[in-house]
All heavy atoms as atom14 arrays in JSON, in Angstrom:
{
  "sequence": "EGCEALVVKKLQEIMMYVIWAALAFAAIQLLGMLCACIVLCRRSRDPA",
  "atom14_mask": [
    [1, 1, 1, 1, 1, 1, 1, 1, 1, 0, 0, 0, 0, 0],
    [1, 1, 1, 1, 0, 0, 0, 0, 0, 0, 0, 0, 0, 0],
    [1, 1, 1, 1, 1, 1, 0, 0, 0, 0, 0, 0, 0, 0],
    [1, 1, 1, 1, 1, 1, 1, 1, 1, 0, 0, 0, 0, 0],
    [1, 1, 1, 1, 1, 0, 0, 0, 0, 0, 0, 0, 0, 0],
    [1, 1, 1, 1, 1, 1, 1, 1, 0, 0, 0, 0, 0, 0],
    [1, 1, 1, 1, 1, 1, 1, 0, 0, 0, 0, 0, 0, 0],
    [1, 1, 1, 1, 1, 1, 1, 0, 0, 0, 0, 0, 0, 0],
    [1, 1, 1, 1, 1, 1, 1, 1, 1, 0, 0, 0, 0, 0],
    [1, 1, 1, 1, 1, 1, 1, 1, 1, 0, 0, 0, 0, 0],
    [1, 1, 1, 1, 1, 1, 1, 1, 0, 0, 0, 0, 0, 0],
    [1, 1, 1, 1, 1, 1, 1, 1, 1, 0, 0, 0, 0, 0],
    [1, 1, 1, 1, 1, 1, 1, 1, 1, 0, 0, 0, 0, 0],
    [1, 1, 1, 1, 1, 1, 1, 1, 0, 0, 0, 0, 0, 0],
    [1, 1, 1, 1, 1, 1, 1, 1, 0, 0, 0, 0, 0, 0],
    [1, 1, 1, 1, 1, 1, 1, 1, 0, 0, 0, 0, 0, 0],
    [1, 1, 1, 1, 1, 1, 1, 1, 1, 1, 1, 1, 0, 0],
    [1, 1, 1, 1, 1, 1, 1, 0, 0, 0, 0, 0, 0, 0],
    [1, 1, 1, 1, 1, 1, 1, 1, 0, 0, 0, 0, 0, 0],
    [1, 1, 1, 1, 1, 1, 1, 1, 1, 1, 1, 1, 1, 1],
    [1, 1, 1, 1, 1, 0, 0, 0, 0, 0, 0, 0, 0, 0],
    [1, 1, 1, 1, 1, 0, 0, 0, 0, 0, 0, 0, 0, 0],
    [1, 1, 1, 1, 1, 1, 1, 1, 0, 0, 0, 0, 0, 0],
    [1, 1, 1, 1, 1, 0, 0, 0, 0, 0, 0, 0, 0, 0],
    [1, 1, 1, 1, 1, 1, 1, 1, 1, 1, 1, 0, 0, 0],
    [1, 1, 1, 1, 1, 0, 0, 0, 0, 0, 0, 0, 0, 0],
    [1, 1, 1, 1, 1, 0, 0, 0, 0, 0, 0, 0, 0, 0],
    [1, 1, 1, 1, 1, 1, 1, 1, 0, 0, 0, 0, 0, 0],
    [1, 1, 1, 1, 1, 1, 1, 1, 1, 0, 0, 0, 0, 0],
    [1, 1, 1, 1, 1, 1, 1, 1, 0, 0, 0, 0, 0, 0],
    [1, 1, 1, 1, 1, 1, 1, 1, 0, 0, 0, 0, 0, 0],
    [1, 1, 1, 1, 0, 0, 0, 0, 0, 0, 0, 0, 0, 0],
    [1, 1, 1, 1, 1, 1, 1, 1, 0, 0, 0, 0, 0, 0],
    [1, 1, 1, 1, 1, 1, 1, 1, 0, 0, 0, 0, 0, 0],
    [1, 1, 1, 1, 1, 1, 0, 0, 0, 0, 0, 0, 0, 0],
    [1, 1, 1, 1, 1, 0, 0, 0, 0, 0, 0, 0, 0, 0],
    [1, 1, 1, 1, 1, 1, 0, 0, 0, 0, 0, 0, 0, 0],
    [1, 1, 1, 1, 1, 1, 1, 1, 0, 0, 0, 0, 0, 0],
    [1, 1, 1, 1, 1, 1, 1, 0, 0, 0, 0, 0, 0, 0],
    [1, 1, 1, 1, 1, 1, 1, 1, 0, 0, 0, 0, 0, 0],
    [1, 1, 1, 1, 1, 1, 0, 0, 0, 0, 0, 0, 0, 0],
    [1, 1, 1, 1, 1, 1, 1, 1, 1, 1, 1, 0, 0, 0],
    [1, 1, 1, 1, 1, 1, 1, 1, 1, 1, 1, 0, 0, 0],
    [1, 1, 1, 1, 1, 1, 0, 0, 0, 0, 0, 0, 0, 0],
    [1, 1, 1, 1, 1, 1, 1, 1, 1, 1, 1, 0, 0, 0],
    [1, 1, 1, 1, 1, 1, 1, 1, 0, 0, 0, 0, 0, 0],
    [1, 1, 1, 1, 1, 1, 1, 0, 0, 0, 0, 0, 0, 0],
    [1, 1, 1, 1, 1, 0, 0, 0, 0, 0, 0, 0, 0, 0]
  ],
  "atom14_positions": [
    [[-14.83, -31.72, 4.42], [-13.99, -31.64, 3.21], [-12.96, -32.76, 3.21], [-12.39, -33.11, 4.25], [-13.3, -30.29, 3.14], [-12.67, -30.0, 1.8], [-12.24, -28.55, 1.65], [-12.45, -27.77, 2.61], [-11.71, -28.2, 0.59], [0.0, 0.0, 0.0], [0.0, 0.0, 0.0], [0.0, 0.0, 0.0], [0.0, 0.0, 0.0], [0.0, 0.0, 0.0]],
    [[-12.71, -33.33, 2.02], [-11.71, -34.38, 1.89], [-10.3, -33.82, 1.89], [-10.07, -32.63, 1.63], [0.0, 0.0, 0.0], [0.0, 0.0, 0.0], [0.0, 0.0, 0.0], [0.0, 0.0, 0.0], [0.0, 0.0, 0.0], [0.0, 0.0, 0.0], [0.0, 0.0, 0.0], [0.0, 0.0, 0.0], [0.0, 0.0, 0.0], [0.0, 0.0, 0.0]],
    [[-9.33, -34.69, 2.19], [-7.94, -34.24, 2.35], [-7.16, -34.18, 1.05], [-6.19, -33.42, 0.95], [-7.21, -35.18, 3.32], [-7.83, -35.1, 5.01], [0.0, 0.0, 0.0], [0.0, 0.0, 0.0], [0.0, 0.0, 0.0], [0.0, 0.0, 0.0], [0.0, 0.0, 0.0], [0.0, 0.0, 0.0], [0.0, 0.0, 0.0], [0.0, 0.0, 0.0]],
    [[-7.55, -34.96, 0.06], [-6.74, -35.03, -1.16], [-6.56, -33.66, -1.81], [-5.43, -33.24, -2.1], [-7.37, -35.99, -2.16], [-6.55, -36.12, -3.44], [-7.14, -37.12, -4.43], [-8.25, -37.62, -4.17], [-6.49, -37.39, -5.44], [0.0, 0.0, 0.0], [0.0, 0.0, 0.0], [0.0, 0.0, 0.0], [0.0, 0.0, 0.0], [0.0, 0.0, 0.0]],
    [[-7.65, -32.94, -2.02], [-7.57, -31.64, -2.68], [-6.76, -30.65, -1.85], [-5.98, -29.85, -2.39], [-8.97, -31.08, -2.93], [0.0, 0.0, 0.0], [0.0, 0.0, 0.0], [0.0, 0.0, 0.0], [0.0, 0.0, 0.0], [0.0, 0.0, 0.0], [0.0, 0.0, 0.0], [0.0, 0.0, 0.0], [0.0, 0.0, 0.0], [0.0, 0.0, 0.0]],
    [[-6.89, -30.72, -0.53], [-6.18, -29.79, 0.35], [-4.68, -30.1, 0.4], [-3.85, -29.19, 0.47], [-6.78, -29.84, 1.75], [-8.22, -29.33, 1.86], [-8.72, -29.46, 3.29], [-8.32, -27.87, 1.41], [0.0, 0.0, 0.0], [0.0, 0.0, 0.0], [0.0, 0.0, 0.0], [0.0, 0.0, 0.0], [0.0, 0.0, 0.0], [0.0, 0.0, 0.0]],
    [[-4.32, -31.4, 0.38], [-2.91, -31.78, 0.36], [-2.27, -31.3, -0.94], [-1.15, -30.74, -0.95], [-2.74, -33.3, 0.51], [-1.31, -33.73, 0.2], [-3.11, -33.73, 1.93], [0.0, 0.0, 0.0], [0.0, 0.0, 0.0], [0.0, 0.0, 0.0], [0.0, 0.0, 0.0], [0.0, 0.0, 0.0], [0.0, 0.0, 0.0], [0.0, 0.0, 0.0]],
    [[-2.97, -31.51, -2.06], [-2.46, -31.05, -3.36], [-2.26, -29.55, -3.35], [-1.22, -29.03, -3.79], [-3.43, -31.46, -4.49], [-3.06, -30.76, -5.8], [-3.43, -32.96, -4.68], [0.0, 0.0, 0.0], [0.0, 0.0, 0.0], [0.0, 0.0, 0.0], [0.0, 0.0, 0.0], [0.0, 0.0, 0.0], [0.0, 0.0, 0.0], [0.0, 0.0, 0.0]],
    [[-3.25, -28.82, -2.83], [-3.16, -27.36, -2.77], [-1.98, -26.92, -1.92], [-1.24, -26.0, -2.3], [-4.47, -26.8, -2.2], [-4.49, -25.28, -2.12], [-5.81, -24.78, -1.52], [-5.81, -23.26, -1.38], [-7.08, -22.78, -0.77], [0.0, 0.0, 0.0], [0.0, 0.0, 0.0], [0.0, 0.0, 0.0], [0.0, 0.0, 0.0], [0.0, 0.0, 0.0]],
    [[-1.79, -27.57, -0.77], [-0.69, -27.21, 0.13], [0.66, -27.45, -0.53], [1.55, -26.59, -0.48], [-0.79, -28.04, 1.42], [0.27, -27.72, 2.46], [0.1, -26.33, 3.03], [1.07, -26.07, 4.17], [0.9, -24.71, 4.73], [0.0, 0.0, 0.0], [0.0, 0.0, 0.0], [0.0, 0.0, 0.0], [0.0, 0.0, 0.0], [0.0, 0.0, 0.0]],
    [[0.84, -28.6, -1.16], [2.12, -28.92, -1.8], [2.39, -27.99, -2.98], [3.54, -27.58, -3.21], [2.12, -30.37, -2.26], [2.07, -31.42, -1.15], [2.01, -32.82, -1.72], [3.26, -31.29, -0.21], [0.0, 0.0, 0.0], [0.0, 0.0, 0.0], [0.0, 0.0, 0.0], [0.0, 0.0, 0.0], [0.0, 0.0, 0.0], [0.0, 0.0, 0.0]],
    [[1.35, -27.62, -3.71], [1.53, -26.69, -4.83], [1.89, -25.3, -4.33], [2.68, -24.58, -4.96], [0.27, -26.66, -5.68], [0.06, -27.92, -6.5], [-1.19, -27.88, -7.36], [-2.12, -27.12, -7.09], [-1.24, -28.69, -8.39], [0.0, 0.0, 0.0], [0.0, 0.0, 0.0], [0.0, 0.0, 0.0], [0.0, 0.0, 0.0], [0.0, 0.0, 0.0]],
    [[1.33, -24.9, -3.2], [1.69, -23.61, -2.6], [3.17, -23.6, -2.2], [3.87, -22.6, -2.41], [0.82, -23.34, -1.37], [-0.59, -22.91, -1.68], [-1.42, -22.73, -0.42], [-0.89, -23.0, 0.69], [-2.59, -22.31, -0.53], [0.0, 0.0, 0.0], [0.0, 0.0, 0.0], [0.0, 0.0, 0.0], [0.0, 0.0, 0.0], [0.0, 0.0, 0.0]],
    [[3.62, -24.71, -1.62], [5.03, -24.8, -1.22], [5.94, -24.66, -2.43], [6.96, -23.96, -2.4], [5.29, -26.13, -0.5], [4.5, -26.19, 0.81], [6.78, -26.32, -0.22], [4.5, -27.56, 1.45], [0.0, 0.0, 0.0], [0.0, 0.0, 0.0], [0.0, 0.0, 0.0], [0.0, 0.0, 0.0], [0.0, 0.0, 0.0], [0.0, 0.0, 0.0]],
    [[5.56, -25.34, -3.52], [6.37, -25.26, -4.73], [6.37, -23.84, -5.3], [7.38, -23.38, -5.85], [5.85, -26.24, -5.78], [6.8, -26.48, -6.94], [8.4, -27.12, -6.42], [7.93, -28.74, -5.81], [0.0, 0.0, 0.0], [0.0, 0.0, 0.0], [0.0, 0.0, 0.0], [0.0, 0.0, 0.0], [0.0, 0.0, 0.0], [0.0, 0.0, 0.0]],
    [[5.27, -23.12, -5.14], [5.22, -21.75, -5.62], [6.16, -20.85, -4.82], [6.72, -19.9, -5.36], [3.79, -21.2, -5.53], [2.87, -21.67, -6.64], [3.48, -21.3, -8.31], [3.58, -19.51, -8.28], [0.0, 0.0, 0.0], [0.0, 0.0, 0.0], [0.0, 0.0, 0.0], [0.0, 0.0, 0.0], [0.0, 0.0, 0.0], [0.0, 0.0, 0.0]],
    [[6.37, -21.16, -3.52], [7.34, -20.4, -2.73], [8.73, -20.52, -3.36], [9.47, -19.53, -3.46], [7.38, -20.92, -1.29], [6.13, -20.69, -0.49], [5.76, -21.57, 0.53], [5.3, -19.61, -0.75], [4.59, -21.37, 1.27], [4.12, -19.41, -0.02], [3.79, -20.29, 0.98], [2.64, -20.1, 1.7], [0.0, 0.0, 0.0], [0.0, 0.0, 0.0]],
    [[9.07, -21.73, -3.77], [10.37, -21.96, -4.4], [10.47, -21.18, -5.71], [11.49, -20.52, -5.99], [10.58, -23.47, -4.67], [11.87, -23.7, -5.46], [10.61, -24.24, -3.36], [0.0, 0.0, 0.0], [0.0, 0.0, 0.0], [0.0, 0.0, 0.0], [0.0, 0.0, 0.0], [0.0, 0.0, 0.0], [0.0, 0.0, 0.0], [0.0, 0.0, 0.0]],
    [[9.42, -21.22, -6.5], [9.43, -20.55, -7.8], [9.59, -19.03, -7.63], [10.43, -18.4, -8.28], [8.15, -20.88, -8.58], [8.13, -22.36, -8.98], [8.02, -19.99, -9.82], [6.81, -22.82, -9.56], [0.0, 0.0, 0.0], [0.0, 0.0, 0.0], [0.0, 0.0, 0.0], [0.0, 0.0, 0.0], [0.0, 0.0, 0.0], [0.0, 0.0, 0.0]],
    [[8.8, -18.44, -6.73], [8.87, -16.99, -6.53], [10.2, -16.57, -5.92], [10.75, -15.5, -6.25], [7.71, -16.52, -5.66], [6.41, -16.45, -6.41], [5.3, -17.22, -6.22], [6.1, -15.57, -7.5], [4.32, -16.88, -7.11], [4.77, -15.86, -7.9], [6.81, -14.57, -8.16], [4.14, -15.18, -8.95], [6.18, -13.9, -9.2], [4.87, -14.21, -9.58]],
    [[10.74, -17.41, -5.01], [12.04, -17.09, -4.42], [13.12, -17.1, -5.5], [13.98, -16.21, -5.55], [12.38, -18.09, -3.32], [0.0, 0.0, 0.0], [0.0, 0.0, 0.0], [0.0, 0.0, 0.0], [0.0, 0.0, 0.0], [0.0, 0.0, 0.0], [0.0, 0.0, 0.0], [0.0, 0.0, 0.0], [0.0, 0.0, 0.0], [0.0, 0.0, 0.0]],
    [[13.08, -18.12, -6.37], [14.08, -18.21, -7.44], [13.96, -17.02, -8.39], [14.97, -16.44, -8.81], [13.9, -19.52, -8.2], [0.0, 0.0, 0.0], [0.0, 0.0, 0.0], [0.0, 0.0, 0.0], [0.0, 0.0, 0.0], [0.0, 0.0, 0.0], [0.0, 0.0, 0.0], [0.0, 0.0, 0.0], [0.0, 0.0, 0.0], [0.0, 0.0, 0.0]],
    [[12.74, -16.62, -8.73], [12.54, -15.48, -9.62], [13.03, -14.18, -8.98], [13.69, -13.36, -9.63], [11.06, -15.35, -9.99], [10.51, -16.37, -10.99], [9.0, -16.21, -11.12], [11.18, -16.21, -12.35], [0.0, 0.0, 0.0], [0.0, 0.0, 0.0], [0.0, 0.0, 0.0], [0.0, 0.0, 0.0], [0.0, 0.0, 0.0], [0.0, 0.0, 0.0]],
    [[12.71, -13.99, -7.7], [13.1, -12.76, -7.01], [14.61, -12.62, -6.95], [15.17, -11.54, -7.24], [12.52, -12.75, -5.59], [0.0, 0.0, 0.0], [0.0, 0.0, 0.0], [0.0, 0.0, 0.0], [0.0, 0.0, 0.0], [0.0, 0.0, 0.0], [0.0, 0.0, 0.0], [0.0, 0.0, 0.0], [0.0, 0.0, 0.0], [0.0, 0.0, 0.0]],
    [[15.3, -13.7, -6.6], [16.75, -13.6, -6.46], [17.47, -13.67, -7.8], [18.61, -13.23, -7.92], [17.25, -14.65, -5.49], [16.82, -14.35, -4.08], [15.83, -15.09, -3.47], [17.35, -13.29, -3.38], [15.39, -14.8, -2.19], [16.94, -12.97, -2.11], [15.95, -13.73, -1.5], [0.0, 0.0, 0.0], [0.0, 0.0, 0.0], [0.0, 0.0, 0.0]],
    [[16.8, -14.19, -8.82], [17.35, -14.08, -10.17], [17.38, -12.62, -10.59], [18.35, -12.15, -11.22], [16.51, -14.91, -11.15], [0.0, 0.0, 0.0], [0.0, 0.0, 0.0], [0.0, 0.0, 0.0], [0.0, 0.0, 0.0], [0.0, 0.0, 0.0], [0.0, 0.0, 0.0], [0.0, 0.0, 0.0], [0.0, 0.0, 0.0], [0.0, 0.0, 0.0]],
    [[16.34, -11.86, -10.22], [16.31, -10.43, -10.52], [17.42, -9.7, -9.76], [18.08, -8.8, -10.31], [14.94, -9.86, -10.16], [0.0, 0.0, 0.0], [0.0, 0.0, 0.0], [0.0, 0.0, 0.0], [0.0, 0.0, 0.0], [0.0, 0.0, 0.0], [0.0, 0.0, 0.0], [0.0, 0.0, 0.0], [0.0, 0.0, 0.0], [0.0, 0.0, 0.0]],
    [[17.64, -10.08, -8.49], [18.71, -9.46, -7.7], [20.06, -9.74, -8.34], [20.93, -8.86, -8.41], [18.68, -9.99, -6.25], [17.42, -9.47, -5.54], [19.93, -9.55, -5.48], [17.23, -10.06, -4.16], [0.0, 0.0, 0.0], [0.0, 0.0, 0.0], [0.0, 0.0, 0.0], [0.0, 0.0, 0.0], [0.0, 0.0, 0.0], [0.0, 0.0, 0.0]],
    [[20.25, -10.96, -8.84], [21.53, -11.31, -9.46], [21.73, -10.56, -10.77], [22.87, -10.2, -11.12], [21.59, -12.82, -9.69], [21.79, -13.58, -8.38], [21.53, -15.05, -8.52], [21.72, -15.62, -9.58], [21.08, -15.67, -7.45], [0.0, 0.0, 0.0], [0.0, 0.0, 0.0], [0.0, 0.0, 0.0], [0.0, 0.0, 0.0], [0.0, 0.0, 0.0]],
    [[20.66, -10.34, -11.51], [20.79, -9.52, -12.72], [21.28, -8.13, -12.38], [22.13, -7.56, -13.07], [19.43, -9.45, -13.43], [19.05, -10.61, -14.34], [17.65, -10.41, -14.9], [20.05, -10.75, -15.48], [0.0, 0.0, 0.0], [0.0, 0.0, 0.0], [0.0, 0.0, 0.0], [0.0, 0.0, 0.0], [0.0, 0.0, 0.0], [0.0, 0.0, 0.0]],
    [[20.74, -7.56, -11.29], [21.18, -6.24, -10.84], [22.65, -6.28, -10.42], [23.41, -5.37, -10.74], [20.31, -5.79, -9.66], [20.64, -4.42, -9.07], [20.45, -3.33, -10.11], [19.75, -4.14, -7.86], [0.0, 0.0, 0.0], [0.0, 0.0, 0.0], [0.0, 0.0, 0.0], [0.0, 0.0, 0.0], [0.0, 0.0, 0.0], [0.0, 0.0, 0.0]],
    [[23.06, -7.36, -9.72], [24.46, -7.51, -9.32], [25.39, -7.59, -10.52], [26.46, -6.98, -10.54], [0.0, 0.0, 0.0], [0.0, 0.0, 0.0], [0.0, 0.0, 0.0], [0.0, 0.0, 0.0], [0.0, 0.0, 0.0], [0.0, 0.0, 0.0], [0.0, 0.0, 0.0], [0.0, 0.0, 0.0], [0.0, 0.0, 0.0], [0.0, 0.0, 0.0]],
    [[24.98, -8.36, -11.54], [25.8, -8.47, -12.76], [25.89, -7.12, -13.47], [26.96, -6.74, -13.98], [25.2, -9.53, -13.69], [25.43, -10.96, -13.23], [24.91, -12.2, -14.45], [23.13, -12.08, -14.28], [0.0, 0.0, 0.0], [0.0, 0.0, 0.0], [0.0, 0.0, 0.0], [0.0, 0.0, 0.0], [0.0, 0.0, 0.0], [0.0, 0.0, 0.0]],
    [[24.78, -6.38, -13.5], [24.77, -5.07, -14.16], [25.72, -4.1, -13.46], [26.52, -3.41, -14.12], [23.35, -4.52, -14.16], [23.16, -3.13, -14.78], [23.54, -3.15, -16.26], [21.72, -2.66, -14.61], [0.0, 0.0, 0.0], [0.0, 0.0, 0.0], [0.0, 0.0, 0.0], [0.0, 0.0, 0.0], [0.0, 0.0, 0.0], [0.0, 0.0, 0.0]],
    [[25.67, -4.08, -12.12], [26.55, -3.18, -11.36], [28.02, -3.54, -11.56], [28.87, -2.66, -11.73], [26.2, -3.25, -9.87], [24.6, -2.55, -9.46], [0.0, 0.0, 0.0], [0.0, 0.0, 0.0], [0.0, 0.0, 0.0], [0.0, 0.0, 0.0], [0.0, 0.0, 0.0], [0.0, 0.0, 0.0], [0.0, 0.0, 0.0], [0.0, 0.0, 0.0]],
    [[28.31, -4.84, -11.54], [29.7, -5.27, -11.73], [30.19, -4.91, -13.13], [31.35, -4.49, -13.31], [29.8, -6.78, -11.5], [0.0, 0.0, 0.0], [0.0, 0.0, 0.0], [0.0, 0.0, 0.0], [0.0, 0.0, 0.0], [0.0, 0.0, 0.0], [0.0, 0.0, 0.0], [0.0, 0.0, 0.0], [0.0, 0.0, 0.0], [0.0, 0.0, 0.0]],
    [[29.33, -5.05, -14.14], [29.71, -4.71, -15.51], [29.97, -3.21, -15.65], [30.89, -2.79, -16.36], [28.61, -5.15, -16.48], [28.51, -6.94, -16.72], [0.0, 0.0, 0.0], [0.0, 0.0, 0.0], [0.0, 0.0, 0.0], [0.0, 0.0, 0.0], [0.0, 0.0, 0.0], [0.0, 0.0, 0.0], [0.0, 0.0, 0.0], [0.0, 0.0, 0.0]],
    [[29.15, -2.4, -14.96], [29.36, -0.94, -15.0], [30.71, -0.58, -14.41], [31.45, 0.24, -14.96], [28.22, -0.23, -14.23], [26.91, -0.36, -15.0], [28.56, 1.24, -14.01], [25.7, 0.16, -14.24], [0.0, 0.0, 0.0], [0.0, 0.0, 0.0], [0.0, 0.0, 0.0], [0.0, 0.0, 0.0], [0.0, 0.0, 0.0], [0.0, 0.0, 0.0]],
    [[31.07, -1.2, -13.27], [32.38, -0.94, -12.65], [33.5, -1.36, -13.58], [34.5, -0.65, -13.74], [32.48, -1.69, -11.3], [33.89, -1.56, -10.73], [31.47, -1.13, -10.31], [0.0, 0.0, 0.0], [0.0, 0.0, 0.0], [0.0, 0.0, 0.0], [0.0, 0.0, 0.0], [0.0, 0.0, 0.0], [0.0, 0.0, 0.0], [0.0, 0.0, 0.0]],
    [[33.34, -2.52, -14.22], [34.37, -3.0, -15.15], [34.54, -2.06, -16.33], [35.66, -1.75, -16.74], [34.0, -4.4, -15.66], [34.29, -5.58, -14.73], [33.68, -6.86, -15.27], [35.8, -5.75, -14.55], [0.0, 0.0, 0.0], [0.0, 0.0, 0.0], [0.0, 0.0, 0.0], [0.0, 0.0, 0.0], [0.0, 0.0, 0.0], [0.0, 0.0, 0.0]],
    [[33.42, -1.58, -16.88], [33.48, -0.67, -18.03], [34.12, 0.66, -17.65], [34.96, 1.2, -18.39], [32.08, -0.43, -18.58], [31.35, -1.88, -19.37], [0.0, 0.0, 0.0], [0.0, 0.0, 0.0], [0.0, 0.0, 0.0], [0.0, 0.0, 0.0], [0.0, 0.0, 0.0], [0.0, 0.0, 0.0], [0.0, 0.0, 0.0], [0.0, 0.0, 0.0]],
    [[33.77, 1.22, -16.49], [34.36, 2.48, -16.03], [35.85, 2.32, -15.81], [36.64, 3.22, -16.13], [33.68, 2.93, -14.74], [32.27, 3.45, -14.95], [31.68, 3.91, -13.64], [32.46, 4.99, -13.06], [32.23, 5.52, -11.87], [31.22, 5.04, -11.12], [32.98, 6.49, -11.4], [0.0, 0.0, 0.0], [0.0, 0.0, 0.0], [0.0, 0.0, 0.0]],
    [[36.24, 1.2, -15.28], [37.66, 0.98, -14.97], [38.49, 0.84, -16.24], [39.63, 1.28, -16.31], [37.8, -0.28, -14.12], [39.16, -0.43, -13.45], [39.14, -1.6, -12.49], [40.38, -1.66, -11.72], [41.49, -2.21, -12.15], [41.53, -2.75, -13.34], [42.58, -2.22, -11.38], [0.0, 0.0, 0.0], [0.0, 0.0, 0.0], [0.0, 0.0, 0.0]],
    [[37.9, 0.2, -17.26], [38.65, -0.01, -18.5], [38.7, 1.23, -19.38], [39.59, 1.38, -20.2], [38.03, -1.18, -19.29], [36.68, -0.88, -19.61], [0.0, 0.0, 0.0], [0.0, 0.0, 0.0], [0.0, 0.0, 0.0], [0.0, 0.0, 0.0], [0.0, 0.0, 0.0], [0.0, 0.0, 0.0], [0.0, 0.0, 0.0], [0.0, 0.0, 0.0]],
    [[37.75, 2.17, -19.19], [37.67, 3.35, -20.06], [38.3, 4.59, -19.45], [38.41, 5.61, -20.09], [36.2, 3.66, -20.38], [35.55, 2.61, -21.27], [34.09, 2.96, -21.51], [33.43, 1.95, -22.32], [32.14, 1.98, -22.64], [31.39, 2.99, -22.2], [31.61, 1.03, -23.38], [0.0, 0.0, 0.0], [0.0, 0.0, 0.0], [0.0, 0.0, 0.0]],
    [[38.69, 4.53, -18.18], [39.21, 5.72, -17.49], [40.7, 5.55, -17.23], [41.1, 5.0, -16.22], [38.46, 5.91, -16.17], [38.76, 7.27, -15.54], [39.68, 7.95, -16.05], [38.08, 7.63, -14.56], [0.0, 0.0, 0.0], [0.0, 0.0, 0.0], [0.0, 0.0, 0.0], [0.0, 0.0, 0.0], [0.0, 0.0, 0.0], [0.0, 0.0, 0.0]],
    [[41.57, 6.04, -18.15], [43.03, 5.87, -17.96], [43.54, 6.61, -16.73], [44.47, 6.17, -16.08], [43.62, 6.46, -19.25], [42.57, 7.4, -19.76], [41.27, 6.78, -19.38], [0.0, 0.0, 0.0], [0.0, 0.0, 0.0], [0.0, 0.0, 0.0], [0.0, 0.0, 0.0], [0.0, 0.0, 0.0], [0.0, 0.0, 0.0], [0.0, 0.0, 0.0]],
    [[42.92, 7.74, -16.38], [43.37, 8.48, -15.2], [43.13, 7.66, -13.94], [43.93, 7.66, -13.02], [42.61, 9.82, -15.1], [0.0, 0.0, 0.0], [0.0, 0.0, 0.0], [0.0, 0.0, 0.0], [0.0, 0.0, 0.0], [0.0, 0.0, 0.0], [0.0, 0.0, 0.0], [0.0, 0.0, 0.0], [0.0, 0.0, 0.0], [0.0, 0.0, 0.0]]
  ]
}
């Protein structure tokens, strides 16, 4: 087997690691923003 196709495949796999990592932690950050917003809303609405 020639190396060109395998090098391309390897480099594309590496780039997919970056893409999936970014997507996964973007989801985690959305959850973090949601939790922080809930705390902010509870704090502003509860005078006691």
